[in-house]
Structure formats: structure tokens, C-alpha cells
Amino acid sequence: MVTHTLVFHFSDEMSEADRAQFFREGSALVLASGLADSYRHWPHVPLHDDVGAEVAPVFVPSAMARITCRDLGTMRELFAHPPLLEFVRHWQSRFPYQAVSVNTEE
């Protein structure tokens, strides 16, 4: 199994309702593709002190998502899935966001 973990940074202009829609649509699309075994997301829980600013001053996360696929080939298929590419273009045009990702294999 391969896990793709995404850490997102959304601008303040993206409301909580917009974020909920983003993850609702993204989850439905990824799971409907038949290529992913699971999709979960969580909001970031910030520390309200100076520790976060000192430890990770470059990137302030807003949320995290985790997608699992049976193998790397299937994950590659998912990331080339035209509806997923359109989803990214659509949301980037509405609310440009940043994402950092890491893939791990079990």
C-alpha cells in the first residue's frame, strides 16, 4: 500500500464553507475514481504560541489529507485522472493554495 499525504495552506479568503466544499468534492472524486482505497482529511490544529513560528516559519498549514492506493502504479493513474486534474485547476483558479506532499510505502 502507498500513502500520499498532503499538507495544504489555504488563504484567509477561502471560507470554512469553501474548505468544506473543497474536501467534500475532492474526497468524492478520488473515491469515485476507483483508484484510491481511502481518503481522509483533517483541519490543522494550530499552536497559539511562538513555537510553530520558530520550528516551521515557511509554511503554515491549514489542513491535511491522506489518500491510500494499492501500489505506486495505481497512485500514478490517480494523479493523471482527468477529473482530478480539472478539480485542481478549478480550485487553484478560485483560491490559489499551496500543498506539500509526501509518499510512503508500507
PDB file of N, CA and C in Angstrom:
ATOM      1  N   MET A   1       0.843  -1.168   0.000  1.00  0.00           N
ATOM      2  CA  MET A   1       0.000   0.000   0.000  1.00  0.00           C
ATOM      3  C   MET A   1       0.894   1.239   0.000  1.00  0.00           C
ATOM      4  N   VAL A   2       0.455   2.259  -0.740  1.00  0.00           N
ATOM      5  CA  VAL A   2       1.161   3.533  -0.814  1.00  0.00           C
ATOM      6  C   VAL A   2       0.235   4.612  -0.252  1.00  0.00           C
ATOM      7  N   THR A   3       0.783   5.464   0.587  1.00  0.00           N
ATOM      8  CA  THR A   3       0.015   6.561   1.183  1.00  0.00           C
ATOM      9  C   THR A   3       0.564   7.884   0.673  1.00  0.00           C
ATOM     10  N   HIS A   4      -0.337   8.737   0.214  1.00  0.00           N
ATOM     11  CA  HIS A   4       0.002  10.081  -0.248  1.00  0.00           C
ATOM     12  C   HIS A   4      -0.580  11.047   0.777  1.00  0.00           C
ATOM     13  N   THR A   5       0.285  11.778   1.462  1.00  0.00           N
ATOM     14  CA  THR A   5      -0.153  12.735   2.469  1.00  0.00           C
ATOM     15  C   THR A   5       0.075  14.137   1.939  1.00  0.00           C
ATOM     16  N   LEU A   6      -0.967  14.950   1.975  1.00  0.00           N
ATOM     17  CA  LEU A   6      -0.909  16.337   1.508  1.00  0.00           C
ATOM     18  C   LEU A   6      -1.123  17.260   2.695  1.00  0.00           C
ATOM     19  N   VAL A   7      -0.294  18.290   2.790  1.00  0.00           N
ATOM     20  CA  VAL A   7      -0.485  19.335   3.785  1.00  0.00           C
ATOM     21  C   VAL A   7      -0.774  20.605   2.998  1.00  0.00           C
ATOM     22  N   PHE A   8      -1.951  21.189   3.238  1.00  0.00           N
ATOM     23  CA  PHE A   8      -2.418  22.349   2.479  1.00  0.00           C
ATOM     24  C   PHE A   8      -2.251  23.635   3.265  1.00  0.00           C
ATOM     25  N   HIS A   9      -1.999  24.719   2.522  1.00  0.00           N
ATOM     26  CA  HIS A   9      -2.095  26.071   3.068  1.00  0.00           C
ATOM     27  C   HIS A   9      -3.100  26.817   2.212  1.00  0.00           C
ATOM     28  N   PHE A  10      -4.221  27.220   2.831  1.00  0.00           N
ATOM     29  CA  PHE A  10      -5.248  27.991   2.145  1.00  0.00           C
ATOM     30  C   PHE A  10      -5.163  29.445   2.591  1.00  0.00           C
ATOM     31  N   SER A  11      -5.506  30.354   1.690  1.00  0.00           N
ATOM     32  CA  SER A  11      -5.510  31.776   2.039  1.00  0.00           C
ATOM     33  C   SER A  11      -6.691  32.072   2.961  1.00  0.00           C
ATOM     34  N   ASP A  12      -6.613  33.197   3.639  1.00  0.00           N
ATOM     35  CA  ASP A  12      -7.695  33.607   4.532  1.00  0.00           C
ATOM     36  C   ASP A  12      -8.979  33.903   3.764  1.00  0.00           C
ATOM     37  N   GLU A  13      -8.866  34.173   2.466  1.00  0.00           N
ATOM     38  CA  GLU A  13     -10.051  34.457   1.652  1.00  0.00           C
ATOM     39  C   GLU A  13     -10.918  33.216   1.445  1.00  0.00           C
ATOM     40  N   MET A  14     -10.363  32.035   1.649  1.00  0.00           N
ATOM     41  CA  MET A  14     -11.121  30.796   1.470  1.00  0.00           C
ATOM     42  C   MET A  14     -11.875  30.503   2.769  1.00  0.00           C
ATOM     43  N   SER A  15     -13.196  30.635   2.717  1.00  0.00           N
ATOM     44  CA  SER A  15     -14.016  30.473   3.920  1.00  0.00           C
ATOM     45  C   SER A  15     -14.056  29.010   4.375  1.00  0.00           C
ATOM     46  N   GLU A  16     -14.549  28.807   5.582  1.00  0.00           N
ATOM     47  CA  GLU A  16     -14.716  27.441   6.090  1.00  0.00           C
ATOM     48  C   GLU A  16     -15.687  26.661   5.206  1.00  0.00           C
ATOM     49  N   ALA A  17     -16.721  27.324   4.702  1.00  0.00           N
ATOM     50  CA  ALA A  17     -17.677  26.659   3.803  1.00  0.00           C
ATOM     51  C   ALA A  17     -16.987  26.242   2.502  1.00  0.00           C
ATOM     52  N   ASP A  18     -16.121  27.115   1.973  1.00  0.00           N
ATOM     53  CA  ASP A  18     -15.371  26.777   0.759  1.00  0.00           C
ATOM     54  C   ASP A  18     -14.434  25.599   1.018  1.00  0.00           C
ATOM     55  N   ARG A  19     -13.786  25.594   2.167  1.00  0.00           N
ATOM     56  CA  ARG A  19     -12.877  24.488   2.507  1.00  0.00           C
ATOM     57  C   ARG A  19     -13.648  23.175   2.635  1.00  0.00           C
ATOM     58  N   ALA A  20     -14.805  23.239   3.255  1.00  0.00           N
ATOM     59  CA  ALA A  20     -15.631  22.033   3.384  1.00  0.00           C
ATOM     60  C   ALA A  20     -16.037  21.518   2.006  1.00  0.00           C
ATOM     61  N   GLN A  21     -16.394  22.434   1.105  1.00  0.00           N
ATOM     62  CA  GLN A  21     -16.764  22.034  -0.254  1.00  0.00           C
ATOM     63  C   GLN A  21     -15.563  21.439  -0.988  1.00  0.00           C
ATOM     64  N   PHE A  22     -14.395  22.052  -0.835  1.00  0.00           N
ATOM     65  CA  PHE A  22     -13.163  21.563  -1.453  1.00  0.00           C
ATOM     66  C   PHE A  22     -12.917  20.099  -1.060  1.00  0.00           C
ATOM     67  N   PHE A  23     -12.981  19.814   0.224  1.00  0.00           N
ATOM     68  CA  PHE A  23     -12.711  18.449   0.686  1.00  0.00           C
ATOM     69  C   PHE A  23     -13.857  17.488   0.355  1.00  0.00           C
ATOM     70  N   ARG A  24     -15.086  17.970   0.383  1.00  0.00           N
ATOM     71  CA  ARG A  24     -16.223  17.123   0.007  1.00  0.00           C
ATOM     72  C   ARG A  24     -16.099  16.696  -1.457  1.00  0.00           C
ATOM     73  N   GLU A  25     -15.835  17.666  -2.341  1.00  0.00           N
ATOM     74  CA  GLU A  25     -15.681  17.362  -3.770  1.00  0.00           C
ATOM     75  C   GLU A  25     -14.445  16.506  -4.027  1.00  0.00           C
ATOM     76  N   GLY A  26     -13.334  16.854  -3.383  1.00  0.00           N
ATOM     77  CA  GLY A  26     -12.093  16.106  -3.589  1.00  0.00           C
ATOM     78  C   GLY A  26     -12.219  14.666  -3.144  1.00  0.00           C
ATOM     79  N   SER A  27     -12.809  14.461  -1.989  1.00  0.00           N
ATOM     80  CA  SER A  27     -12.996  13.111  -1.469  1.00  0.00           C
ATOM     81  C   SER A  27     -13.885  12.291  -2.394  1.00  0.00           C
ATOM     82  N   ALA A  28     -15.005  12.866  -2.809  1.00  0.00           N
ATOM     83  CA  ALA A  28     -15.934  12.150  -3.693  1.00  0.00           C
ATOM     84  C   ALA A  28     -15.262  11.788  -5.008  1.00  0.00           C
ATOM     85  N   LEU A  29     -14.509  12.713  -5.571  1.00  0.00           N
ATOM     86  CA  LEU A  29     -13.845  12.485  -6.854  1.00  0.00           C
ATOM     87  C   LEU A  29     -12.788  11.388  -6.740  1.00  0.00           C
ATOM     88  N   VAL A  30     -11.955  11.471  -5.725  1.00  0.00           N
ATOM     89  CA  VAL A  30     -10.879  10.487  -5.547  1.00  0.00           C
ATOM     90  C   VAL A  30     -11.463   9.090  -5.333  1.00  0.00           C
ATOM     91  N   LEU A  31     -12.456   8.982  -4.473  1.00  0.00           N
ATOM     92  CA  LEU A  31     -13.030   7.665  -4.190  1.00  0.00           C
ATOM     93  C   LEU A  31     -13.828   7.120  -5.377  1.00  0.00           C
ATOM     94  N   ALA A  32     -14.518   8.001  -6.107  1.00  0.00           N
ATOM     95  CA  ALA A  32     -15.297   7.561  -7.272  1.00  0.00           C
ATOM     96  C   ALA A  32     -14.408   7.098  -8.424  1.00  0.00           C
ATOM     97  N   SER A  33     -13.143   7.502  -8.415  1.00  0.00           N
ATOM     98  CA  SER A  33     -12.228   7.095  -9.487  1.00  0.00           C
ATOM     99  C   SER A  33     -11.999   5.585  -9.487  1.00  0.00           C
ATOM    100  N   GLY A  34     -12.203   4.955  -8.331  1.00  0.00           N
ATOM    101  CA  GLY A  34     -11.924   3.530  -8.202  1.00  0.00           C
ATOM    102  C   GLY A  34     -10.446   3.217  -8.051  1.00  0.00           C
ATOM    103  N   LEU A  35      -9.615   4.256  -7.994  1.00  0.00           N
ATOM    104  CA  LEU A  35      -8.165   4.068  -7.916  1.00  0.00           C
ATOM    105  C   LEU A  35      -7.629   4.182  -6.488  1.00  0.00           C
ATOM    106  N   ALA A  36      -8.374   4.826  -5.615  1.00  0.00           N
ATOM    107  CA  ALA A  36      -7.928   5.013  -4.231  1.00  0.00           C
ATOM    108  C   ALA A  36      -8.695   4.080  -3.308  1.00  0.00           C
ATOM    109  N   ASP A  37      -8.002   3.576  -2.308  1.00  0.00           N
ATOM    110  CA  ASP A  37      -8.638   2.735  -1.298  1.00  0.00           C
ATOM    111  C   ASP A  37      -9.276   3.568  -0.194  1.00  0.00           C
ATOM    112  N   SER A  38      -8.697   4.739   0.079  1.00  0.00           N
ATOM    113  CA  SER A  38      -9.253   5.588   1.128  1.00  0.00           C
ATOM    114  C   SER A  38      -8.848   7.037   0.906  1.00  0.00           C
ATOM    115  N   TYR A  39      -9.621   7.931   1.536  1.00  0.00           N
ATOM    116  CA  TYR A  39      -9.344   9.370   1.515  1.00  0.00           C
ATOM    117  C   TYR A  39      -9.858   9.922   2.831  1.00  0.00           C
ATOM    118  N   ARG A  40      -8.984  10.599   3.564  1.00  0.00           N
ATOM    119  CA  ARG A  40      -9.374  11.261   4.814  1.00  0.00           C
ATOM    120  C   ARG A  40      -8.749  12.640   4.841  1.00  0.00           C
ATOM    121  N   HIS A  41      -9.395  13.549   5.548  1.00  0.00           N
ATOM    122  CA  HIS A  41      -8.805  14.878   5.719  1.00  0.00           C
ATOM    123  C   HIS A  41      -9.111  15.396   7.125  1.00  0.00           C
ATOM    124  N   TRP A  42      -8.259  16.295   7.571  1.00  0.00           N
ATOM    125  CA  TRP A  42      -8.374  16.888   8.892  1.00  0.00           C
ATOM    126  C   TRP A  42      -7.983  18.356   8.810  1.00  0.00           C
ATOM    127  N   PRO A  43      -8.610  19.212   9.617  1.00  0.00           N
ATOM    128  CA  PRO A  43      -8.135  20.591   9.721  1.00  0.00           C
ATOM    129  C   PRO A  43      -6.884  20.640  10.597  1.00  0.00           C
ATOM    130  N   HIS A  44      -6.067  21.629  10.360  1.00  0.00           N
ATOM    131  CA  HIS A  44      -4.887  21.858  11.198  1.00  0.00           C
ATOM    132  C   HIS A  44      -5.343  22.411  12.544  1.00  0.00           C
ATOM    133  N   VAL A  45      -4.731  21.964  13.609  1.00  0.00           N
ATOM    134  CA  VAL A  45      -4.995  22.494  14.944  1.00  0.00           C
ATOM    135  C   VAL A  45      -3.757  23.298  15.337  1.00  0.00           C
ATOM    136  N   PRO A  46      -3.836  24.625  15.218  1.00  0.00           N
ATOM    137  CA  PRO A  46      -2.639  25.436  15.448  1.00  0.00           C
ATOM    138  C   PRO A  46      -2.276  25.563  16.931  1.00  0.00           C
ATOM    139  N   LEU A  47      -0.986  25.709  17.165  1.00  0.00           N
ATOM    140  CA  LEU A  47      -0.489  26.086  18.487  1.00  0.00           C
ATOM    141  C   LEU A  47      -0.436  27.611  18.495  1.00  0.00           C
ATOM    142  N   HIS A  48      -1.039  28.203  19.470  1.00  0.00           N
ATOM    143  CA  HIS A  48      -1.060  29.662  19.509  1.00  0.00           C
ATOM    144  C   HIS A  48       0.081  30.181  20.379  1.00  0.00           C
ATOM    145  N   ASP A  49       1.293  29.949  19.891  1.00  0.00           N
ATOM    146  CA  ASP A  49       2.472  30.458  20.576  1.00  0.00           C
ATOM    147  C   ASP A  49       3.583  30.625  19.546  1.00  0.00           C
ATOM    148  N   ASP A  50       4.764  30.946  19.989  1.00  0.00           N
ATOM    149  CA  ASP A  50       5.872  31.203  19.078  1.00  0.00           C
ATOM    150  C   ASP A  50       6.587  29.943  18.617  1.00  0.00           C
ATOM    151  N   VAL A  51       6.262  28.782  19.169  1.00  0.00           N
ATOM    152  CA  VAL A  51       6.958  27.550  18.809  1.00  0.00           C
ATOM    153  C   VAL A  51       6.797  27.251  17.327  1.00  0.00           C
ATOM    154  N   GLY A  52       5.565  27.272  16.827  1.00  0.00           N
ATOM    155  CA  GLY A  52       5.327  26.981  15.414  1.00  0.00           C
ATOM    156  C   GLY A  52       6.059  27.932  14.494  1.00  0.00           C
ATOM    157  N   ALA A  53       6.108  29.200  14.840  1.00  0.00           N
ATOM    158  CA  ALA A  53       6.788  30.191  14.008  1.00  0.00           C
ATOM    159  C   ALA A  53       8.285  29.926  13.949  1.00  0.00           C
ATOM    160  N   GLU A  54       8.860  29.429  15.028  1.00  0.00           N
ATOM    161  CA  GLU A  54      10.295  29.149  15.038  1.00  0.00           C
ATOM    162  C   GLU A  54      10.635  27.825  14.381  1.00  0.00           C
ATOM    163  N   VAL A  55       9.794  26.823  14.573  1.00  0.00           N
ATOM    164  CA  VAL A  55      10.075  25.491  14.048  1.00  0.00           C
ATOM    165  C   VAL A  55       9.800  25.413  12.551  1.00  0.00           C
ATOM    166  N   ALA A  56       8.699  26.009  12.092  1.00  0.00           N
ATOM    167  CA  ALA A  56       8.312  25.920  10.676  1.00  0.00           C
ATOM    168  C   ALA A  56       7.824  27.282  10.184  1.00  0.00           C
ATOM    169  N   PRO A  57       8.731  28.242  10.038  1.00  0.00           N
ATOM    170  CA  PRO A  57       8.309  29.599   9.690  1.00  0.00           C
ATOM    171  C   PRO A  57       7.901  29.788   8.229  1.00  0.00           C
ATOM    172  N   VAL A  58       8.169  28.820   7.368  1.00  0.00           N
ATOM    173  CA  VAL A  58       7.947  28.999   5.938  1.00  0.00           C
ATOM    174  C   VAL A  58       6.532  28.630   5.522  1.00  0.00           C
ATOM    175  N   PHE A  59       5.941  27.655   6.153  1.00  0.00           N
ATOM    176  CA  PHE A  59       4.683  27.081   5.685  1.00  0.00           C
ATOM    177  C   PHE A  59       3.740  26.902   6.865  1.00  0.00           C
ATOM    178  N   VAL A  60       2.620  27.615   6.861  1.00  0.00           N
ATOM    179  CA  VAL A  60       1.631  27.479   7.923  1.00  0.00           C
ATOM    180  C   VAL A  60       0.481  26.629   7.387  1.00  0.00           C
ATOM    181  N   PRO A  61       0.315  25.414   7.900  1.00  0.00           N
ATOM    182  CA  PRO A  61      -0.706  24.524   7.357  1.00  0.00           C
ATOM    183  C   PRO A  61      -2.120  24.949   7.730  1.00  0.00           C
ATOM    184  N   SER A  62      -3.057  24.594   6.854  1.00  0.00           N
ATOM    185  CA  SER A  62      -4.484  24.801   7.099  1.00  0.00           C
ATOM    186  C   SER A  62      -5.196  23.474   7.315  1.00  0.00           C
ATOM    187  N   ALA A  63      -4.742  22.446   6.598  1.00  0.00           N
ATOM    188  CA  ALA A  63      -5.405  21.140   6.660  1.00  0.00           C
ATOM    189  C   ALA A  63      -4.479  20.077   6.096  1.00  0.00           C
ATOM    190  N   MET A  64      -4.868  18.826   6.318  1.00  0.00           N
ATOM    191  CA  MET A  64      -4.107  17.698   5.801  1.00  0.00           C
ATOM    192  C   MET A  64      -5.076  16.690   5.204  1.00  0.00           C
ATOM    193  N   ALA A  65      -4.645  16.022   4.139  1.00  0.00           N
ATOM    194  CA  ALA A  65      -5.433  14.934   3.550  1.00  0.00           C
ATOM    195  C   ALA A  65      -4.516  13.741   3.339  1.00  0.00           C
ATOM    196  N   ARG A  66      -5.108  12.555   3.422  1.00  0.00           N
ATOM    197  CA  ARG A  66      -4.327  11.336   3.200  1.00  0.00           C
ATOM    198  C   ARG A  66      -5.106  10.413   2.267  1.00  0.00           C
ATOM    199  N   ILE A  67      -4.434   9.992   1.198  1.00  0.00           N
ATOM    200  CA  ILE A  67      -5.021   9.101   0.198  1.00  0.00           C
ATOM    201  C   ILE A  67      -4.184   7.831   0.178  1.00  0.00           C
ATOM    202  N   THR A  68      -4.841   6.676   0.175  1.00  0.00           N
ATOM    203  CA  THR A  68      -4.099   5.424   0.035  1.00  0.00           C
ATOM    204  C   THR A  68      -4.508   4.729  -1.256  1.00  0.00           C
ATOM    205  N   CYS A  69      -3.518   4.129  -1.889  1.00  0.00           N
ATOM    206  CA  CYS A  69      -3.717   3.338  -3.109  1.00  0.00           C
ATOM    207  C   CYS A  69      -2.994   2.012  -2.931  1.00  0.00           C
ATOM    208  N   ARG A  70      -3.388   1.020  -3.699  1.00  0.00           N
ATOM    209  CA  ARG A  70      -2.807  -0.317  -3.526  1.00  0.00           C
ATOM    210  C   ARG A  70      -1.327  -0.362  -3.881  1.00  0.00           C
ATOM    211  N   ASP A  71      -0.890   0.470  -4.860  1.00  0.00           N
ATOM    212  CA  ASP A  71       0.525   0.479  -5.244  1.00  0.00           C
ATOM    213  C   ASP A  71       0.856   1.792  -5.947  1.00  0.00           C
ATOM    214  N   LEU A  72       2.134   1.992  -6.220  1.00  0.00           N
ATOM    215  CA  LEU A  72       2.599   3.238  -6.827  1.00  0.00           C
ATOM    216  C   LEU A  72       2.022   3.443  -8.225  1.00  0.00           C
ATOM    217  N   GLY A  73       1.888   2.376  -9.002  1.00  0.00           N
ATOM    218  CA  GLY A  73       1.311   2.492 -10.337  1.00  0.00           C
ATOM    219  C   GLY A  73      -0.119   3.004 -10.297  1.00  0.00           C
ATOM    220  N   THR A  74      -0.891   2.517  -9.344  1.00  0.00           N
ATOM    221  CA  THR A  74      -2.275   2.970  -9.194  1.00  0.00           C
ATOM    222  C   THR A  74      -2.312   4.431  -8.773  1.00  0.00           C
ATOM    223  N   MET A  75      -1.384   4.826  -7.896  1.00  0.00           N
ATOM    224  CA  MET A  75      -1.332   6.220  -7.478  1.00  0.00           C
ATOM    225  C   MET A  75      -0.998   7.119  -8.672  1.00  0.00           C
ATOM    226  N   ARG A  76      -0.081   6.679  -9.519  1.00  0.00           N
ATOM    227  CA  ARG A  76       0.245   7.458 -10.721  1.00  0.00           C
ATOM    228  C   ARG A  76      -0.991   7.621 -11.607  1.00  0.00           C
ATOM    229  N   GLU A  77      -1.763   6.546 -11.746  1.00  0.00           N
ATOM    230  CA  GLU A  77      -3.008   6.624 -12.529  1.00  0.00           C
ATOM    231  C   GLU A  77      -3.964   7.648 -11.927  1.00  0.00           C
ATOM    232  N   LEU A  78      -4.080   7.640 -10.607  1.00  0.00           N
ATOM    233  CA  LEU A  78      -4.970   8.585  -9.938  1.00  0.00           C
ATOM    234  C   LEU A  78      -4.548  10.018 -10.235  1.00  0.00           C
ATOM    235  N   PHE A  79      -3.255  10.306 -10.134  1.00  0.00           N
ATOM    236  CA  PHE A  79      -2.793  11.679 -10.330  1.00  0.00           C
ATOM    237  C   PHE A  79      -2.870  12.131 -11.779  1.00  0.00           C
ATOM    238  N   ALA A  80      -3.038  11.194 -12.706  1.00  0.00           N
ATOM    239  CA  ALA A  80      -3.232  11.534 -14.119  1.00  0.00           C
ATOM    240  C   ALA A  80      -4.715  11.503 -14.500  1.00  0.00           C
ATOM    241  N   HIS A  81      -5.580  11.194 -13.551  1.00  0.00           N
ATOM    242  CA  HIS A  81      -7.024  11.077 -13.792  1.00  0.00           C
ATOM    243  C   HIS A  81      -7.571  12.455 -14.193  1.00  0.00           C
ATOM    244  N   PRO A  82      -8.095  12.615 -15.417  1.00  0.00           N
ATOM    245  CA  PRO A  82      -8.528  13.934 -15.893  1.00  0.00           C
ATOM    246  C   PRO A  82      -9.478  14.687 -14.953  1.00  0.00           C
ATOM    247  N   PRO A  83     -10.467  14.046 -14.337  1.00  0.00           N
ATOM    248  CA  PRO A  83     -11.313  14.809 -13.416  1.00  0.00           C
ATOM    249  C   PRO A  83     -10.541  15.372 -12.213  1.00  0.00           C
ATOM    250  N   LEU A  84      -9.512  14.673 -11.755  1.00  0.00           N
ATOM    251  CA  LEU A  84      -8.708  15.187 -10.649  1.00  0.00           C
ATOM    252  C   LEU A  84      -7.898  16.396 -11.098  1.00  0.00           C
ATOM    253  N   LEU A  85      -7.337  16.335 -12.290  1.00  0.00           N
ATOM    254  CA  LEU A  85      -6.583  17.474 -12.821  1.00  0.00           C
ATOM    255  C   LEU A  85      -7.494  18.690 -12.973  1.00  0.00           C
ATOM    256  N   GLU A  86      -8.717  18.481 -13.434  1.00  0.00           N
ATOM    257  CA  GLU A  86      -9.680  19.580 -13.573  1.00  0.00           C
ATOM    258  C   GLU A  86     -10.074  20.139 -12.209  1.00  0.00           C
ATOM    259  N   PHE A  87     -10.240  19.273 -11.219  1.00  0.00           N
ATOM    260  CA  PHE A  87     -10.549  19.708  -9.854  1.00  0.00           C
ATOM    261  C   PHE A  87      -9.458  20.649  -9.337  1.00  0.00           C
ATOM    262  N   VAL A  88      -8.205  20.263  -9.518  1.00  0.00           N
ATOM    263  CA  VAL A  88      -7.086  21.096  -9.061  1.00  0.00           C
ATOM    264  C   VAL A  88      -7.102  22.437  -9.789  1.00  0.00           C
ATOM    265  N   ARG A  89      -7.260  22.424 -11.109  1.00  0.00           N
ATOM    266  CA  ARG A  89      -7.302  23.687 -11.876  1.00  0.00           C
ATOM    267  C   ARG A  89      -8.439  24.587 -11.395  1.00  0.00           C
ATOM    268  N   HIS A  90      -9.601  23.998 -11.205  1.00  0.00           N
ATOM    269  CA  HIS A  90     -10.774  24.766 -10.767  1.00  0.00           C
ATOM    270  C   HIS A  90     -10.517  25.456  -9.423  1.00  0.00           C
ATOM    271  N   TRP A  91     -10.050  24.688  -8.442  1.00  0.00           N
ATOM    272  CA  TRP A  91      -9.855  25.266  -7.114  1.00  0.00           C
ATOM    273  C   TRP A  91      -8.663  26.209  -7.062  1.00  0.00           C
ATOM    274  N   GLN A  92      -7.627  25.924  -7.822  1.00  0.00           N
ATOM    275  CA  GLN A  92      -6.485  26.853  -7.866  1.00  0.00           C
ATOM    276  C   GLN A  92      -6.910  28.190  -8.474  1.00  0.00           C
ATOM    277  N   SER A  93      -7.832  28.168  -9.432  1.00  0.00           N
ATOM    278  CA  SER A  93      -8.288  29.420 -10.042  1.00  0.00           C
ATOM    279  C   SER A  93      -9.181  30.214  -9.086  1.00  0.00           C
ATOM    280  N   ARG A  94      -9.914  29.535  -8.230  1.00  0.00           N
ATOM    281  CA  ARG A  94     -10.788  30.218  -7.264  1.00  0.00           C
ATOM    282  C   ARG A  94     -10.015  30.722  -6.050  1.00  0.00           C
ATOM    283  N   PHE A  95      -9.201  29.849  -5.491  1.00  0.00           N
ATOM    284  CA  PHE A  95      -8.438  30.162  -4.278  1.00  0.00           C
ATOM    285  C   PHE A  95      -7.061  29.534  -4.420  1.00  0.00           C
ATOM    286  N   PRO A  96      -6.105  30.251  -4.985  1.00  0.00           N
ATOM    287  CA  PRO A  96      -4.768  29.650  -5.117  1.00  0.00           C
ATOM    288  C   PRO A  96      -4.287  29.154  -3.747  1.00  0.00           C
ATOM    289  N   TYR A  97      -3.858  27.918  -3.712  1.00  0.00           N
ATOM    290  CA  TYR A  97      -3.405  27.313  -2.463  1.00  0.00           C
ATOM    291  C   TYR A  97      -2.057  26.646  -2.695  1.00  0.00           C
ATOM    292  N   GLN A  98      -1.387  26.364  -1.604  1.00  0.00           N
ATOM    293  CA  GLN A  98      -0.109  25.657  -1.656  1.00  0.00           C
ATOM    294  C   GLN A  98      -0.313  24.280  -1.032  1.00  0.00           C
ATOM    295  N   ALA A  99       0.468  23.327  -1.505  1.00  0.00           N
ATOM    296  CA  ALA A  99       0.409  21.986  -0.924  1.00  0.00           C
ATOM    297  C   ALA A  99       1.801  21.377  -0.923  1.00  0.00           C
ATOM    298  N   VAL A 100       2.100  20.682   0.142  1.00  0.00           N
ATOM    299  CA  VAL A 100       3.329  19.911   0.268  1.00  0.00           C
ATOM    300  C   VAL A 100       2.884  18.464   0.416  1.00  0.00           C
ATOM    301  N   SER A 101       3.577  17.558  -0.265  1.00  0.00           N
ATOM    302  CA  SER A 101       3.152  16.159  -0.184  1.00  0.00           C
ATOM    303  C   SER A 101       4.326  15.239   0.109  1.00  0.00           C
ATOM    304  N   VAL A 102       3.984  14.075   0.632  1.00  0.00           N
ATOM    305  CA  VAL A 102       4.966  13.022   0.873  1.00  0.00           C
ATOM    306  C   VAL A 102       4.277  11.691   0.595  1.00  0.00           C
ATOM    307  N   ASN A 103       5.003  10.796  -0.059  1.00  0.00           N
ATOM    308  CA  ASN A 103       4.506   9.448  -0.326  1.00  0.00           C
ATOM    309  C   ASN A 103       5.277   8.462   0.541  1.00  0.00           C
ATOM    310  N   THR A 104       4.553   7.524   1.129  1.00  0.00           N
ATOM    311  CA  THR A 104       5.181   6.477   1.930  1.00  0.00           C
ATOM    312  C   THR A 104       4.615   5.135   1.495  1.00  0.00           C
ATOM    313  N   GLU A 105       5.407   4.098   1.698  1.00  0.00           N
ATOM    314  CA  GLU A 105       5.001   2.768   1.276  1.00  0.00           C
ATOM    315  C   GLU A 105       5.061   1.819   2.462  1.00  0.00           C
ATOM    316  N   GLU A 106       4.036   1.011   2.603  1.00  0.00           N
ATOM    317  CA  GLU A 106       4.020   0.023   3.688  1.00  0.00           C
ATOM    318  C   GLU A 106       4.441  -1.323   3.166  1.00  0.00           C
TER     319      GLU A 106
END
